[in-house]
Every structure is written in C-alpha cells, then in structure tokens.
Amino acid sequence: MLKSNQPAFTKNFKNLFVWQKSMLLVKEIYQVTSHFPDDERFALKSQIQRSATSIPLNLAEGNSQLFPKKEINFFNNALGSCAETICALDIALQNEYISKETHDRLEKDLIEIQKMAIGYIRRLQESIGEED
C-alpha cells in the first residue's frame, strides 16, 4: 500500500506496442466487416468486432492492474480473444465474406499480437519468480 508521502506510479497501457498493434487490428477488422452481408449484422459481424475489440480492452485493463498476477490474467484473456478472432476470420473466409489474402494478413497480425502478449506474460512471470 502506498504511504501518503509516496508518489503514485501509474502505468500507461498506450505505451505498450502490443496494445498499439491491437488497436490497428481493431480498426482494420471494423473496415473489413463493414462489407459483411446485412444479415450478419447481429451474428458474425458483431462477434468478430467484439472479439477483436476485447484484445486491446483486456490489455489495457491488465496493464492498469497493481498486481502482476492480475495483469497476467487479463493478458491471458486477450490471448483467448485473439484465438476467437482467428476462428471468426476462418468462418468469414469459409462463407466467402473475406478474401484469402485478407484472412491471412489479419491472422498473421493476430499471431504476432499473441506472441507479443506471451512475451510480456513471460517477463511478468519472471519478475515475480513464477514459472508456467
């Protein structure tokens, strides 16, 4: 707990490269899904937008935690949202809502975000002396 004479330290999630990359991904997901059929408005379109949006939201919430174990938990949630978004992209490709090129590019970005998040989690685990 902070004593009254200690300055409060706040982390800024906006400085995380993984958060910045995930925000770019969300922008692209919204652009791509804007071309989905109208009957997908409340189905796949909504789902892929929500899963993609969940990535930077979890990274931001996690990075704002005081305790590393809580931060790790939110970063794990972001990893799950990456996988969910990849699966949704697979469904969009299967239904021919997106091209193979678009799918592969977005999937590559998601895998890079996953790798960055895992690296960050590993550093947090090392800082608290925790293993997998």
N, C-alpha and C. Protein backbone atom coordinates (compact mmCIF):
# COMPACT_ATOMS: atom_id res chain seq x y z
N MET A 1 0.84 -1.18 0.00
CA MET A 1 0.00 0.00 0.00
C MET A 1 0.88 1.25 0.00
N LEU A 2 0.47 2.27 -0.70
CA LEU A 2 1.24 3.50 -0.76
C LEU A 2 1.08 4.30 0.52
N LYS A 3 2.20 4.85 0.97
CA LYS A 3 2.14 5.76 2.11
C LYS A 3 1.82 7.14 1.55
N SER A 4 1.32 8.00 2.37
CA SER A 4 0.86 9.31 1.90
C SER A 4 1.97 10.15 1.28
N ASN A 5 3.23 9.91 1.65
CA ASN A 5 4.32 10.70 1.08
C ASN A 5 4.94 10.08 -0.17
N GLN A 6 4.42 8.91 -0.60
CA GLN A 6 4.94 8.26 -1.80
C GLN A 6 4.15 8.71 -3.02
N PRO A 7 4.86 9.03 -4.10
CA PRO A 7 4.12 9.40 -5.32
C PRO A 7 3.45 8.16 -5.93
N ALA A 8 2.29 8.36 -6.46
CA ALA A 8 1.58 7.26 -7.12
C ALA A 8 2.20 7.03 -8.49
N PHE A 9 2.45 5.77 -8.81
CA PHE A 9 3.00 5.41 -10.11
C PHE A 9 1.89 4.79 -10.94
N THR A 10 1.67 5.32 -12.11
CA THR A 10 0.67 4.72 -12.97
C THR A 10 1.33 4.28 -14.26
N LYS A 11 0.92 3.11 -14.71
CA LYS A 11 1.41 2.60 -15.99
C LYS A 11 0.52 3.18 -17.08
N ASN A 12 1.08 3.28 -18.26
CA ASN A 12 0.30 3.79 -19.38
C ASN A 12 0.25 2.70 -20.45
N PHE A 13 -0.89 2.02 -20.53
CA PHE A 13 -1.04 0.92 -21.48
C PHE A 13 -0.85 1.38 -22.91
N LYS A 14 -1.05 2.66 -23.18
CA LYS A 14 -0.89 3.16 -24.55
C LYS A 14 0.55 3.09 -25.03
N ASN A 15 1.49 2.92 -24.11
CA ASN A 15 2.89 2.77 -24.48
C ASN A 15 3.26 1.35 -24.88
N LEU A 16 2.38 0.40 -24.64
CA LEU A 16 2.65 -0.99 -24.99
C LEU A 16 2.51 -1.19 -26.50
N PHE A 17 3.54 -1.73 -27.12
CA PHE A 17 3.48 -1.98 -28.57
C PHE A 17 2.37 -2.98 -28.90
N VAL A 18 2.17 -3.96 -28.03
CA VAL A 18 1.12 -4.95 -28.26
C VAL A 18 -0.25 -4.30 -28.25
N TRP A 19 -0.46 -3.32 -27.38
CA TRP A 19 -1.74 -2.59 -27.35
C TRP A 19 -1.90 -1.77 -28.63
N GLN A 20 -0.83 -1.08 -29.04
CA GLN A 20 -0.88 -0.25 -30.24
C GLN A 20 -1.21 -1.11 -31.47
N LYS A 21 -0.56 -2.27 -31.57
CA LYS A 21 -0.81 -3.16 -32.71
C LYS A 21 -2.24 -3.68 -32.67
N SER A 22 -2.73 -3.99 -31.49
CA SER A 22 -4.10 -4.49 -31.39
C SER A 22 -5.12 -3.42 -31.76
N MET A 23 -4.82 -2.17 -31.48
CA MET A 23 -5.73 -1.09 -31.86
C MET A 23 -5.79 -0.94 -33.38
N LEU A 24 -4.64 -1.10 -34.04
CA LEU A 24 -4.63 -1.06 -35.51
C LEU A 24 -5.44 -2.22 -36.08
N LEU A 25 -5.31 -3.37 -35.44
CA LEU A 25 -6.07 -4.54 -35.88
C LEU A 25 -7.57 -4.28 -35.75
N VAL A 26 -8.01 -3.71 -34.66
CA VAL A 26 -9.44 -3.42 -34.46
C VAL A 26 -9.95 -2.50 -35.56
N LYS A 27 -9.18 -1.49 -35.88
CA LYS A 27 -9.58 -0.56 -36.95
C LYS A 27 -9.77 -1.32 -38.26
N GLU A 28 -8.84 -2.20 -38.55
CA GLU A 28 -8.92 -2.96 -39.80
C GLU A 28 -10.10 -3.94 -39.77
N ILE A 29 -10.33 -4.58 -38.63
CA ILE A 29 -11.47 -5.50 -38.51
C ILE A 29 -12.77 -4.76 -38.78
N TYR A 30 -12.93 -3.57 -38.23
CA TYR A 30 -14.15 -2.80 -38.47
C TYR A 30 -14.28 -2.43 -39.95
N GLN A 31 -13.18 -2.10 -40.60
CA GLN A 31 -13.23 -1.78 -42.02
C GLN A 31 -13.63 -3.00 -42.85
N VAL A 32 -13.03 -4.15 -42.54
CA VAL A 32 -13.30 -5.38 -43.28
C VAL A 32 -14.75 -5.83 -43.06
N THR A 33 -15.21 -5.78 -41.83
CA THR A 33 -16.56 -6.27 -41.53
C THR A 33 -17.65 -5.32 -42.01
N SER A 34 -17.29 -4.12 -42.36
CA SER A 34 -18.30 -3.18 -42.88
C SER A 34 -18.89 -3.67 -44.20
N HIS A 35 -18.19 -4.63 -44.84
CA HIS A 35 -18.65 -5.18 -46.11
C HIS A 35 -19.38 -6.51 -45.95
N PHE A 36 -19.58 -6.96 -44.72
CA PHE A 36 -20.30 -8.21 -44.49
C PHE A 36 -21.77 -8.02 -44.87
N PRO A 37 -22.44 -9.10 -45.22
CA PRO A 37 -23.86 -9.00 -45.56
C PRO A 37 -24.70 -8.46 -44.39
N ASP A 38 -25.78 -7.79 -44.70
CA ASP A 38 -26.65 -7.21 -43.68
C ASP A 38 -27.19 -8.24 -42.70
N ASP A 39 -27.44 -9.45 -43.19
CA ASP A 39 -27.99 -10.47 -42.29
C ASP A 39 -26.96 -10.98 -41.28
N GLU A 40 -25.70 -10.57 -41.39
CA GLU A 40 -24.67 -10.93 -40.42
C GLU A 40 -24.46 -9.83 -39.39
N ARG A 41 -25.25 -8.78 -39.47
CA ARG A 41 -25.08 -7.62 -38.59
C ARG A 41 -25.06 -8.00 -37.11
N PHE A 42 -25.95 -8.87 -36.70
CA PHE A 42 -26.04 -9.25 -35.29
C PHE A 42 -25.44 -10.63 -35.03
N ALA A 43 -24.77 -11.18 -36.01
CA ALA A 43 -24.18 -12.51 -35.86
C ALA A 43 -22.66 -12.40 -35.98
N LEU A 44 -22.11 -12.91 -37.07
CA LEU A 44 -20.66 -12.98 -37.21
C LEU A 44 -20.00 -11.60 -37.20
N LYS A 45 -20.61 -10.63 -37.84
CA LYS A 45 -20.03 -9.28 -37.87
C LYS A 45 -19.86 -8.74 -36.45
N SER A 46 -20.90 -8.85 -35.67
CA SER A 46 -20.85 -8.38 -34.28
C SER A 46 -19.83 -9.18 -33.47
N GLN A 47 -19.84 -10.49 -33.66
CA GLN A 47 -18.94 -11.36 -32.89
C GLN A 47 -17.48 -11.06 -33.17
N ILE A 48 -17.13 -10.91 -34.44
CA ILE A 48 -15.73 -10.66 -34.77
C ILE A 48 -15.30 -9.27 -34.29
N GLN A 49 -16.19 -8.30 -34.36
CA GLN A 49 -15.87 -6.97 -33.86
C GLN A 49 -15.67 -7.00 -32.34
N ARG A 50 -16.54 -7.72 -31.64
CA ARG A 50 -16.43 -7.79 -30.18
C ARG A 50 -15.19 -8.56 -29.75
N SER A 51 -14.87 -9.66 -30.42
CA SER A 51 -13.69 -10.43 -30.02
C SER A 51 -12.41 -9.63 -30.31
N ALA A 52 -12.36 -8.95 -31.43
CA ALA A 52 -11.18 -8.13 -31.75
C ALA A 52 -11.05 -6.96 -30.78
N THR A 53 -12.16 -6.33 -30.46
CA THR A 53 -12.15 -5.20 -29.53
C THR A 53 -11.74 -5.64 -28.13
N SER A 54 -12.07 -6.86 -27.78
CA SER A 54 -11.71 -7.40 -26.47
C SER A 54 -10.20 -7.49 -26.26
N ILE A 55 -9.45 -7.58 -27.32
CA ILE A 55 -8.00 -7.71 -27.21
C ILE A 55 -7.38 -6.46 -26.57
N PRO A 56 -7.51 -5.27 -27.18
CA PRO A 56 -6.90 -4.10 -26.53
C PRO A 56 -7.58 -3.73 -25.21
N LEU A 57 -8.87 -4.04 -25.08
CA LEU A 57 -9.54 -3.75 -23.81
C LEU A 57 -8.92 -4.56 -22.67
N ASN A 58 -8.67 -5.84 -22.91
CA ASN A 58 -8.06 -6.67 -21.87
C ASN A 58 -6.61 -6.28 -21.61
N LEU A 59 -5.89 -5.91 -22.66
CA LEU A 59 -4.50 -5.47 -22.48
C LEU A 59 -4.46 -4.19 -21.64
N ALA A 60 -5.36 -3.27 -21.91
CA ALA A 60 -5.42 -2.01 -21.16
C ALA A 60 -5.80 -2.27 -19.71
N GLU A 61 -6.83 -3.08 -19.51
CA GLU A 61 -7.26 -3.35 -18.14
C GLU A 61 -6.18 -4.11 -17.38
N GLY A 62 -5.53 -5.05 -18.03
CA GLY A 62 -4.47 -5.80 -17.38
C GLY A 62 -3.30 -4.93 -17.00
N ASN A 63 -2.87 -4.08 -17.91
CA ASN A 63 -1.72 -3.23 -17.65
C ASN A 63 -2.00 -2.19 -16.57
N SER A 64 -3.26 -1.97 -16.29
CA SER A 64 -3.64 -1.00 -15.27
C SER A 64 -3.75 -1.63 -13.88
N GLN A 65 -3.53 -2.93 -13.79
CA GLN A 65 -3.61 -3.63 -12.50
C GLN A 65 -2.36 -3.36 -11.66
N LEU A 66 -2.54 -3.38 -10.38
CA LEU A 66 -1.44 -3.16 -9.46
C LEU A 66 -0.60 -4.42 -9.27
N PHE A 67 -1.24 -5.58 -9.35
CA PHE A 67 -0.56 -6.84 -9.06
C PHE A 67 -0.28 -7.61 -10.35
N PRO A 68 0.97 -8.08 -10.53
CA PRO A 68 1.35 -8.79 -11.76
C PRO A 68 0.47 -10.00 -12.08
N LYS A 69 0.06 -10.75 -11.08
CA LYS A 69 -0.76 -11.93 -11.36
C LYS A 69 -2.10 -11.54 -11.96
N LYS A 70 -2.66 -10.42 -11.55
CA LYS A 70 -3.91 -9.94 -12.15
C LYS A 70 -3.65 -9.48 -13.58
N GLU A 71 -2.52 -8.83 -13.79
CA GLU A 71 -2.16 -8.37 -15.13
C GLU A 71 -2.02 -9.58 -16.07
N ILE A 72 -1.38 -10.63 -15.59
CA ILE A 72 -1.23 -11.85 -16.38
C ILE A 72 -2.58 -12.43 -16.76
N ASN A 73 -3.51 -12.42 -15.83
CA ASN A 73 -4.86 -12.95 -16.09
C ASN A 73 -5.54 -12.20 -17.25
N PHE A 74 -5.45 -10.89 -17.24
CA PHE A 74 -6.07 -10.12 -18.32
C PHE A 74 -5.36 -10.33 -19.66
N PHE A 75 -4.04 -10.48 -19.61
CA PHE A 75 -3.30 -10.75 -20.84
C PHE A 75 -3.67 -12.13 -21.39
N ASN A 76 -3.92 -13.08 -20.49
CA ASN A 76 -4.43 -14.39 -20.91
C ASN A 76 -5.79 -14.26 -21.58
N ASN A 77 -6.65 -13.40 -21.05
CA ASN A 77 -7.95 -13.16 -21.68
C ASN A 77 -7.77 -12.59 -23.08
N ALA A 78 -6.79 -11.71 -23.25
CA ALA A 78 -6.51 -11.14 -24.57
C ALA A 78 -6.06 -12.24 -25.54
N LEU A 79 -5.28 -13.20 -25.04
CA LEU A 79 -4.86 -14.33 -25.88
C LEU A 79 -6.07 -15.12 -26.35
N GLY A 80 -7.01 -15.35 -25.45
CA GLY A 80 -8.24 -16.05 -25.82
C GLY A 80 -9.03 -15.29 -26.86
N SER A 81 -9.08 -13.98 -26.74
CA SER A 81 -9.79 -13.16 -27.72
C SER A 81 -9.11 -13.19 -29.08
N CYS A 82 -7.78 -13.30 -29.08
CA CYS A 82 -7.06 -13.45 -30.35
C CYS A 82 -7.49 -14.75 -31.03
N ALA A 83 -7.54 -15.83 -30.28
CA ALA A 83 -7.94 -17.12 -30.85
C ALA A 83 -9.38 -17.07 -31.35
N GLU A 84 -10.24 -16.43 -30.59
CA GLU A 84 -11.64 -16.29 -31.01
C GLU A 84 -11.74 -15.50 -32.30
N THR A 85 -10.96 -14.46 -32.43
CA THR A 85 -10.98 -13.64 -33.64
C THR A 85 -10.45 -14.42 -34.83
N ILE A 86 -9.40 -15.21 -34.63
CA ILE A 86 -8.89 -16.06 -35.71
C ILE A 86 -9.96 -17.03 -36.18
N CYS A 87 -10.65 -17.64 -35.24
CA CYS A 87 -11.73 -18.57 -35.59
C CYS A 87 -12.84 -17.86 -36.37
N ALA A 88 -13.20 -16.66 -35.93
CA ALA A 88 -14.23 -15.89 -36.63
C ALA A 88 -13.78 -15.54 -38.05
N LEU A 89 -12.50 -15.24 -38.21
CA LEU A 89 -11.96 -14.98 -39.55
C LEU A 89 -12.04 -16.23 -40.42
N ASP A 90 -11.78 -17.40 -39.81
CA ASP A 90 -11.92 -18.66 -40.56
C ASP A 90 -13.35 -18.84 -41.05
N ILE A 91 -14.31 -18.51 -40.20
CA ILE A 91 -15.73 -18.62 -40.58
C ILE A 91 -16.07 -17.63 -41.69
N ALA A 92 -15.54 -16.41 -41.56
CA ALA A 92 -15.78 -15.39 -42.60
C ALA A 92 -15.20 -15.83 -43.94
N LEU A 93 -14.02 -16.44 -43.90
CA LEU A 93 -13.40 -16.94 -45.13
C LEU A 93 -14.23 -18.08 -45.71
N GLN A 94 -14.63 -18.99 -44.87
CA GLN A 94 -15.42 -20.15 -45.30
C GLN A 94 -16.73 -19.72 -45.98
N ASN A 95 -17.30 -18.62 -45.49
CA ASN A 95 -18.55 -18.12 -46.06
C ASN A 95 -18.32 -17.08 -47.15
N GLU A 96 -17.06 -16.90 -47.53
CA GLU A 96 -16.66 -16.00 -48.61
C GLU A 96 -17.02 -14.54 -48.35
N TYR A 97 -16.95 -14.14 -47.07
CA TYR A 97 -17.16 -12.73 -46.71
C TYR A 97 -15.86 -11.95 -46.82
N ILE A 98 -14.73 -12.67 -46.74
CA ILE A 98 -13.41 -12.04 -46.89
C ILE A 98 -12.58 -12.90 -47.83
N SER A 99 -11.58 -12.27 -48.42
CA SER A 99 -10.68 -13.00 -49.33
C SER A 99 -9.64 -13.77 -48.52
N LYS A 100 -9.00 -14.71 -49.15
CA LYS A 100 -7.92 -15.49 -48.53
C LYS A 100 -6.78 -14.56 -48.13
N GLU A 101 -6.49 -13.58 -48.97
CA GLU A 101 -5.41 -12.64 -48.68
C GLU A 101 -5.72 -11.82 -47.42
N THR A 102 -6.94 -11.33 -47.32
CA THR A 102 -7.35 -10.56 -46.14
C THR A 102 -7.29 -11.44 -44.89
N HIS A 103 -7.82 -12.64 -45.00
CA HIS A 103 -7.79 -13.59 -43.89
C HIS A 103 -6.36 -13.83 -43.42
N ASP A 104 -5.48 -14.15 -44.34
CA ASP A 104 -4.11 -14.49 -43.98
C ASP A 104 -3.37 -13.31 -43.36
N ARG A 105 -3.61 -12.11 -43.89
CA ARG A 105 -2.96 -10.91 -43.35
C ARG A 105 -3.42 -10.64 -41.92
N LEU A 106 -4.74 -10.72 -41.69
CA LEU A 106 -5.27 -10.48 -40.35
C LEU A 106 -4.84 -11.57 -39.37
N GLU A 107 -4.84 -12.81 -39.85
CA GLU A 107 -4.40 -13.91 -38.98
C GLU A 107 -2.93 -13.73 -38.59
N LYS A 108 -2.11 -13.31 -39.53
CA LYS A 108 -0.69 -13.07 -39.25
C LYS A 108 -0.54 -11.98 -38.18
N ASP A 109 -1.33 -10.92 -38.29
CA ASP A 109 -1.29 -9.85 -37.29
C ASP A 109 -1.72 -10.37 -35.91
N LEU A 110 -2.75 -11.20 -35.89
CA LEU A 110 -3.23 -11.76 -34.63
C LEU A 110 -2.19 -12.67 -33.99
N ILE A 111 -1.51 -13.46 -34.80
CA ILE A 111 -0.46 -14.34 -34.26
C ILE A 111 0.69 -13.51 -33.71
N GLU A 112 1.01 -12.41 -34.37
CA GLU A 112 2.06 -11.53 -33.86
C GLU A 112 1.64 -10.91 -32.52
N ILE A 113 0.38 -10.51 -32.41
CA ILE A 113 -0.13 -9.97 -31.15
C ILE A 113 -0.05 -11.03 -30.05
N GLN A 114 -0.41 -12.26 -30.39
CA GLN A 114 -0.33 -13.35 -29.41
C GLN A 114 1.11 -13.54 -28.92
N LYS A 115 2.06 -13.54 -29.86
CA LYS A 115 3.46 -13.72 -29.49
C LYS A 115 3.95 -12.58 -28.59
N MET A 116 3.54 -11.36 -28.92
CA MET A 116 3.94 -10.22 -28.11
C MET A 116 3.34 -10.32 -26.70
N ALA A 117 2.08 -10.71 -26.61
CA ALA A 117 1.42 -10.85 -25.31
C ALA A 117 2.06 -11.96 -24.49
N ILE A 118 2.39 -13.07 -25.13
CA ILE A 118 3.05 -14.18 -24.43
C ILE A 118 4.42 -13.74 -23.91
N GLY A 119 5.16 -13.00 -24.72
CA GLY A 119 6.45 -12.49 -24.27
C GLY A 119 6.30 -11.59 -23.05
N TYR A 120 5.28 -10.76 -23.07
CA TYR A 120 5.03 -9.86 -21.95
C TYR A 120 4.66 -10.67 -20.70
N ILE A 121 3.81 -11.68 -20.87
CA ILE A 121 3.42 -12.54 -19.76
C ILE A 121 4.65 -13.22 -19.17
N ARG A 122 5.52 -13.72 -20.02
CA ARG A 122 6.74 -14.41 -19.55
C ARG A 122 7.62 -13.45 -18.72
N ARG A 123 7.74 -12.22 -19.19
CA ARG A 123 8.53 -11.23 -18.42
C ARG A 123 7.88 -10.96 -17.06
N LEU A 124 6.56 -10.86 -17.04
CA LEU A 124 5.87 -10.66 -15.76
C LEU A 124 6.09 -11.86 -14.83
N GLN A 125 6.00 -13.05 -15.40
CA GLN A 125 6.20 -14.27 -14.59
C GLN A 125 7.61 -14.29 -14.01
N GLU A 126 8.59 -13.92 -14.81
CA GLU A 126 9.96 -13.88 -14.32
C GLU A 126 10.12 -12.85 -13.20
N SER A 127 9.45 -11.72 -13.34
CA SER A 127 9.58 -10.65 -12.35
C SER A 127 9.01 -11.06 -10.99
N ILE A 128 8.09 -12.01 -10.98
CA ILE A 128 7.52 -12.45 -9.71
C ILE A 128 8.00 -13.85 -9.33
N GLY A 129 8.97 -14.36 -10.10
CA GLY A 129 9.54 -15.68 -9.81
C GLY A 129 8.58 -16.82 -10.03
N GLU A 130 7.72 -16.67 -11.00
CA GLU A 130 6.72 -17.70 -11.31
C GLU A 130 7.06 -18.36 -12.64
N GLU A 131 6.83 -19.63 -12.71
CA GLU A 131 7.01 -20.36 -13.98
C GLU A 131 5.66 -20.68 -14.55
N ASP A 132 5.64 -21.21 -15.77
CA ASP A 132 4.38 -21.56 -16.46
C ASP A 132 3.44 -22.30 -15.60
